[in-house]
Amino acid sequence: MLRCAILTQYRELTYEELAFHLEDSDAFRSFARLEMGQYPSKSILQENIKGITEETWEAIHRDVLEYAARENIEKGRTIRVDATAVETDIHYPTDSTLLADGVRIITRWLTEGKELVPQPAYQFSDHQRVVKKRVMTILNAKKDDVRQRAYRDLLHYAHLVRGYAESAFP
């Protein structure tokens, strides 16, 4: 399975593509040390490759580095860290959404602070709902004056929340 995992990474294959190549290619089958007639399915490949633990990968990397140092191939002082990009749902950072994110985070911290013992003496109001409404108004407004009014209102609530944070964490 380690050899199959290496093929998957090196060739940038999906499990389905790997299963196809292992069935179709003598070179792939030979590298993976699979006998003729051994054709693992994509689900078996995925289950077994995902089952390789982080500690196992670390031990493999350590052994490879030790071998490379012993054979004077590489000193191993610099390593390349996996920088795989993963698609995720991140909103486009507009001024209004960044302000809303700040209000949300500060409000969360203030709420968590109120659960401390002894309870802190600061007071605050949760403006997340109105802030979210203003952001939606800004994003969907067809007229500039409506957008500007909503943005001014959003700034007002952001200043209020900043004031709450400054009073709670002087």
C-alpha atoms as a PDB file:
ATOM      1  CA  MET A   1       0.000   0.000   0.000  1.00  0.00           C
ATOM      2  CA  LEU A   2       2.923   2.369   0.616  1.00  0.00           C
ATOM      3  CA  ARG A   3       4.006   1.908  -2.975  1.00  0.00           C
ATOM      4  CA  CYS A   4       0.451   2.567  -4.163  1.00  0.00           C
ATOM      5  CA  ALA A   5       0.354   5.727  -2.027  1.00  0.00           C
ATOM      6  CA  ILE A   6       3.635   6.842  -3.610  1.00  0.00           C
ATOM      7  CA  LEU A   7       2.184   6.260  -7.091  1.00  0.00           C
ATOM      8  CA  THR A   8      -0.909   8.239  -6.161  1.00  0.00           C
ATOM      9  CA  GLN A   9       1.141  11.223  -4.983  1.00  0.00           C
ATOM     10  CA  TYR A  10       3.861  11.099  -7.634  1.00  0.00           C
ATOM     11  CA  ARG A  11       1.479  10.775 -10.581  1.00  0.00           C
ATOM     12  CA  GLU A  12      -1.265  12.920  -8.970  1.00  0.00           C
ATOM     13  CA  LEU A  13      -3.854  10.194  -9.503  1.00  0.00           C
ATOM     14  CA  THR A  14      -7.281   9.705  -8.037  1.00  0.00           C
ATOM     15  CA  TYR A  15      -7.993   6.336  -6.454  1.00  0.00           C
ATOM     16  CA  GLU A  16     -10.111   5.444  -9.477  1.00  0.00           C
ATOM     17  CA  GLU A  17      -7.249   6.286 -11.852  1.00  0.00           C
ATOM     18  CA  LEU A  18      -4.782   4.368  -9.679  1.00  0.00           C
ATOM     19  CA  ALA A  19      -7.026   1.290  -9.736  1.00  0.00           C
ATOM     20  CA  PHE A  20      -7.218   1.537 -13.540  1.00  0.00           C
ATOM     21  CA  HIS A  21      -3.435   1.884 -13.954  1.00  0.00           C
ATOM     22  CA  LEU A  22      -2.735  -0.990 -11.558  1.00  0.00           C
ATOM     23  CA  GLU A  23      -5.002  -3.202 -13.648  1.00  0.00           C
ATOM     24  CA  ASP A  24      -3.770  -1.923 -17.013  1.00  0.00           C
ATOM     25  CA  SER A  25      -0.030  -1.293 -16.567  1.00  0.00           C
ATOM     26  CA  ASP A  26       2.660  -3.898 -15.967  1.00  0.00           C
ATOM     27  CA  ALA A  27       5.004  -1.132 -14.788  1.00  0.00           C
ATOM     28  CA  PHE A  28       2.547   0.098 -12.143  1.00  0.00           C
ATOM     29  CA  ARG A  29       1.765  -3.437 -11.014  1.00  0.00           C
ATOM     30  CA  SER A  30       5.487  -4.279 -10.878  1.00  0.00           C
ATOM     31  CA  PHE A  31       6.316  -1.151  -8.840  1.00  0.00           C
ATOM     32  CA  ALA A  32       3.453  -1.866  -6.447  1.00  0.00           C
ATOM     33  CA  ARG A  33       4.622  -5.528  -6.284  1.00  0.00           C
ATOM     34  CA  LEU A  34       1.206  -6.865  -7.149  1.00  0.00           C
ATOM     35  CA  GLU A  35       0.895 -10.322  -8.667  1.00  0.00           C
ATOM     36  CA  MET A  36      -0.994 -10.947 -11.884  1.00  0.00           C
ATOM     37  CA  GLY A  37      -4.678 -11.185 -10.972  1.00  0.00           C
ATOM     38  CA  GLN A  38      -4.375  -8.830  -7.978  1.00  0.00           C
ATOM     39  CA  TYR A  39      -6.422  -5.788  -8.899  1.00  0.00           C
ATOM     40  CA  PRO A  40      -7.445  -3.725  -5.851  1.00  0.00           C
ATOM     41  CA  SER A  41     -10.566  -1.614  -6.295  1.00  0.00           C
ATOM     42  CA  LYS A  42     -10.600   2.133  -5.728  1.00  0.00           C
ATOM     43  CA  SER A  43     -12.423   1.744  -2.404  1.00  0.00           C
ATOM     44  CA  ILE A  44      -9.873  -0.796  -1.114  1.00  0.00           C
ATOM     45  CA  LEU A  45      -7.010   1.467  -2.224  1.00  0.00           C
ATOM     46  CA  GLN A  46      -8.564   4.494  -0.544  1.00  0.00           C
ATOM     47  CA  GLU A  47      -9.323   2.641   2.681  1.00  0.00           C
ATOM     48  CA  ASN A  48      -5.800   1.214   2.970  1.00  0.00           C
ATOM     49  CA  ILE A  49      -3.884   4.320   1.882  1.00  0.00           C
ATOM     50  CA  LYS A  50      -5.912   6.543   4.214  1.00  0.00           C
ATOM     51  CA  GLY A  51      -5.155   4.012   6.965  1.00  0.00           C
ATOM     52  CA  ILE A  52      -1.436   4.822   6.830  1.00  0.00           C
ATOM     53  CA  THR A  53      -0.868   6.861   9.977  1.00  0.00           C
ATOM     54  CA  GLU A  54       0.988  10.127  10.323  1.00  0.00           C
ATOM     55  CA  GLU A  55       3.568   8.380  12.509  1.00  0.00           C
ATOM     56  CA  THR A  56       4.225   5.841   9.745  1.00  0.00           C
ATOM     57  CA  TRP A  57       4.783   8.599   7.180  1.00  0.00           C
ATOM     58  CA  GLU A  58       7.094  10.382   9.596  1.00  0.00           C
ATOM     59  CA  ALA A  59       9.118   7.191  10.153  1.00  0.00           C
ATOM     60  CA  ILE A  60       9.374   6.649   6.372  1.00  0.00           C
ATOM     61  CA  HIS A  61      10.581  10.213   5.829  1.00  0.00           C
ATOM     62  CA  ARG A  62      13.109   9.854   8.645  1.00  0.00           C
ATOM     63  CA  ASP A  63      14.461   6.599   7.131  1.00  0.00           C
ATOM     64  CA  VAL A  64      14.724   8.155   3.671  1.00  0.00           C
ATOM     65  CA  LEU A  65      16.614  11.165   5.073  1.00  0.00           C
ATOM     66  CA  GLU A  66      18.966   8.927   7.062  1.00  0.00           C
ATOM     67  CA  TYR A  67      19.663   6.830   3.948  1.00  0.00           C
ATOM     68  CA  ALA A  68      20.280   9.953   1.852  1.00  0.00           C
ATOM     69  CA  ALA A  69      22.681  11.366   4.459  1.00  0.00           C
ATOM     70  CA  ARG A  70      24.494   8.022   4.836  1.00  0.00           C
ATOM     71  CA  GLU A  71      24.957   7.713   1.055  1.00  0.00           C
ATOM     72  CA  ASN A  72      25.923  11.415   0.709  1.00  0.00           C
ATOM     73  CA  ILE A  73      22.959  12.040  -1.598  1.00  0.00           C
ATOM     74  CA  GLU A  74      21.415  14.804   0.489  1.00  0.00           C
ATOM     75  CA  LYS A  75      22.228  16.355   3.845  1.00  0.00           C
ATOM     76  CA  GLY A  76      18.546  16.788   4.743  1.00  0.00           C
ATOM     77  CA  ARG A  77      18.922  20.266   6.218  1.00  0.00           C
ATOM     78  CA  THR A  78      16.156  21.678   4.030  1.00  0.00           C
ATOM     79  CA  ILE A  79      12.860  19.919   3.474  1.00  0.00           C
ATOM     80  CA  ARG A  80       9.902  20.730   1.304  1.00  0.00           C
ATOM     81  CA  VAL A  81       6.654  20.908   3.187  1.00  0.00           C
ATOM     82  CA  ASP A  82       3.495  19.774   1.456  1.00  0.00           C
ATOM     83  CA  ALA A  83       1.821  22.906   0.135  1.00  0.00           C
ATOM     84  CA  THR A  84      -1.215  21.254  -1.391  1.00  0.00           C
ATOM     85  CA  ALA A  85      -3.972  23.750  -2.051  1.00  0.00           C
ATOM     86  CA  VAL A  86      -7.396  22.601  -0.951  1.00  0.00           C
ATOM     87  CA  GLU A  87     -10.560  24.185  -2.285  1.00  0.00           C
ATOM     88  CA  THR A  88     -12.671  25.716   0.436  1.00  0.00           C
ATOM     89  CA  ASP A  89     -15.587  28.084   0.725  1.00  0.00           C
ATOM     90  CA  ILE A  90     -14.056  31.458   1.575  1.00  0.00           C
ATOM     91  CA  HIS A  91     -16.011  34.585   0.781  1.00  0.00           C
ATOM     92  CA  TYR A  92     -14.461  37.336  -1.284  1.00  0.00           C
ATOM     93  CA  PRO A  93     -13.014  39.830   1.227  1.00  0.00           C
ATOM     94  CA  THR A  94     -14.929  43.072   0.813  1.00  0.00           C
ATOM     95  CA  ASP A  95     -14.685  45.872   3.378  1.00  0.00           C
ATOM     96  CA  SER A  96     -18.163  45.153   4.692  1.00  0.00           C
ATOM     97  CA  THR A  97     -17.626  41.394   5.087  1.00  0.00           C
ATOM     98  CA  LEU A  98     -14.278  41.958   6.807  1.00  0.00           C
ATOM     99  CA  LEU A  99     -15.977  44.355   9.243  1.00  0.00           C
ATOM    100  CA  ALA A 100     -18.704  41.772   9.845  1.00  0.00           C
ATOM    101  CA  ASP A 101     -16.062  39.088  10.493  1.00  0.00           C
ATOM    102  CA  GLY A 102     -14.375  41.377  13.012  1.00  0.00           C
ATOM    103  CA  VAL A 103     -17.664  42.065  14.784  1.00  0.00           C
ATOM    104  CA  ARG A 104     -18.426  38.337  14.879  1.00  0.00           C
ATOM    105  CA  ILE A 105     -15.017  37.399  16.326  1.00  0.00           C
ATOM    106  CA  ILE A 106     -14.943  40.182  18.925  1.00  0.00           C
ATOM    107  CA  THR A 107     -18.507  39.362  19.990  1.00  0.00           C
ATOM    108  CA  ARG A 108     -17.534  35.700  20.349  1.00  0.00           C
ATOM    109  CA  TRP A 109     -14.554  36.664  22.550  1.00  0.00           C
ATOM    110  CA  LEU A 110     -16.703  38.948  24.660  1.00  0.00           C
ATOM    111  CA  THR A 111     -19.296  36.195  25.100  1.00  0.00           C
ATOM    112  CA  GLU A 112     -16.627  33.668  26.078  1.00  0.00           C
ATOM    113  CA  GLY A 113     -15.146  36.202  28.501  1.00  0.00           C
ATOM    114  CA  LYS A 114     -18.467  36.463  30.329  1.00  0.00           C
ATOM    115  CA  GLU A 115     -18.212  32.737  31.142  1.00  0.00           C
ATOM    116  CA  LEU A 116     -14.982  33.253  33.119  1.00  0.00           C
ATOM    117  CA  VAL A 117     -14.891  32.992  36.884  1.00  0.00           C
ATOM    118  CA  PRO A 118     -14.861  35.538  38.420  1.00  0.00           C
ATOM    119  CA  GLN A 119     -17.062  37.153  35.820  1.00  0.00           C
ATOM    120  CA  PRO A 120     -15.561  40.309  34.255  1.00  0.00           C
ATOM    121  CA  ALA A 121     -17.372  43.613  34.834  1.00  0.00           C
ATOM    122  CA  TYR A 122     -17.707  44.780  31.209  1.00  0.00           C
ATOM    123  CA  GLN A 123     -21.044  45.217  29.432  1.00  0.00           C
ATOM    124  CA  PHE A 124     -21.768  44.663  25.746  1.00  0.00           C
ATOM    125  CA  SER A 125     -24.605  44.099  23.303  1.00  0.00           C
ATOM    126  CA  ASP A 126     -24.626  41.533  20.526  1.00  0.00           C
ATOM    127  CA  HIS A 127     -25.005  43.422  17.227  1.00  0.00           C
ATOM    128  CA  GLN A 128     -24.279  40.465  14.925  1.00  0.00           C
ATOM    129  CA  ARG A 129     -27.809  40.239  13.573  1.00  0.00           C
ATOM    130  CA  VAL A 130     -28.056  43.883  12.525  1.00  0.00           C
ATOM    131  CA  VAL A 131     -24.491  43.781  11.160  1.00  0.00           C
ATOM    132  CA  LYS A 132     -25.374  40.785   9.004  1.00  0.00           C
ATOM    133  CA  LYS A 133     -28.453  42.608   7.697  1.00  0.00           C
ATOM    134  CA  ARG A 134     -26.379  45.682   6.813  1.00  0.00           C
ATOM    135  CA  VAL A 135     -23.796  43.551   4.985  1.00  0.00           C
ATOM    136  CA  MET A 136     -26.547  41.895   2.951  1.00  0.00           C
ATOM    137  CA  THR A 137     -28.028  45.320   2.171  1.00  0.00           C
ATOM    138  CA  ILE A 138     -24.606  46.546   1.010  1.00  0.00           C
ATOM    139  CA  LEU A 139     -24.045  43.476  -1.155  1.00  0.00           C
ATOM    140  CA  ASN A 140     -27.507  43.579  -2.737  1.00  0.00           C
ATOM    141  CA  ALA A 141     -28.159  47.330  -2.985  1.00  0.00           C
ATOM    142  CA  LYS A 142     -28.847  48.623  -6.461  1.00  0.00           C
ATOM    143  CA  LYS A 143     -28.594  52.316  -5.513  1.00  0.00           C
ATOM    144  CA  ASP A 144     -25.453  53.962  -4.202  1.00  0.00           C
ATOM    145  CA  ASP A 145     -27.256  56.035  -1.551  1.00  0.00           C
ATOM    146  CA  VAL A 146     -28.814  52.881  -0.024  1.00  0.00           C
ATOM    147  CA  ARG A 147     -25.409  51.186  -0.025  1.00  0.00           C
ATOM    148  CA  GLN A 148     -23.720  54.211   1.557  1.00  0.00           C
ATOM    149  CA  ARG A 149     -26.358  54.526   4.289  1.00  0.00           C
ATOM    150  CA  ALA A 150     -26.020  50.834   5.116  1.00  0.00           C
ATOM    151  CA  TYR A 151     -22.210  51.118   5.156  1.00  0.00           C
ATOM    152  CA  ARG A 152     -22.340  54.119   7.523  1.00  0.00           C
ATOM    153  CA  ASP A 153     -24.666  52.114   9.775  1.00  0.00           C
ATOM    154  CA  LEU A 154     -22.306  49.126   9.612  1.00  0.00           C
ATOM    155  CA  LEU A 155     -19.373  51.370  10.604  1.00  0.00           C
ATOM    156  CA  HIS A 156     -21.416  52.670  13.545  1.00  0.00           C
ATOM    157  CA  TYR A 157     -21.980  49.124  14.874  1.00  0.00           C
ATOM    158  CA  ALA A 158     -18.354  48.172  14.251  1.00  0.00           C
ATOM    159  CA  HIS A 159     -17.249  51.197  16.331  1.00  0.00           C
ATOM    160  CA  LEU A 160     -19.647  50.174  19.113  1.00  0.00           C
ATOM    161  CA  VAL A 161     -18.215  46.644  19.185  1.00  0.00           C
ATOM    162  CA  ARG A 162     -14.663  48.014  19.135  1.00  0.00           C
ATOM    163  CA  GLY A 163     -15.595  50.150  22.148  1.00  0.00           C
ATOM    164  CA  TYR A 164     -16.918  47.072  23.963  1.00  0.00           C
ATOM    165  CA  ALA A 165     -13.649  45.267  23.274  1.00  0.00           C
ATOM    166  CA  GLU A 166     -11.552  48.230  24.465  1.00  0.00           C
ATOM    167  CA  SER A 167     -13.527  48.435  27.712  1.00  0.00           C
ATOM    168  CA  ALA A 168     -13.214  44.671  28.280  1.00  0.00           C
ATOM    169  CA  PHE A 169      -9.513  44.419  27.436  1.00  0.00           C
ATOM    170  CA  PRO A 170      -7.921  47.736  28.439  1.00  0.00           C
END
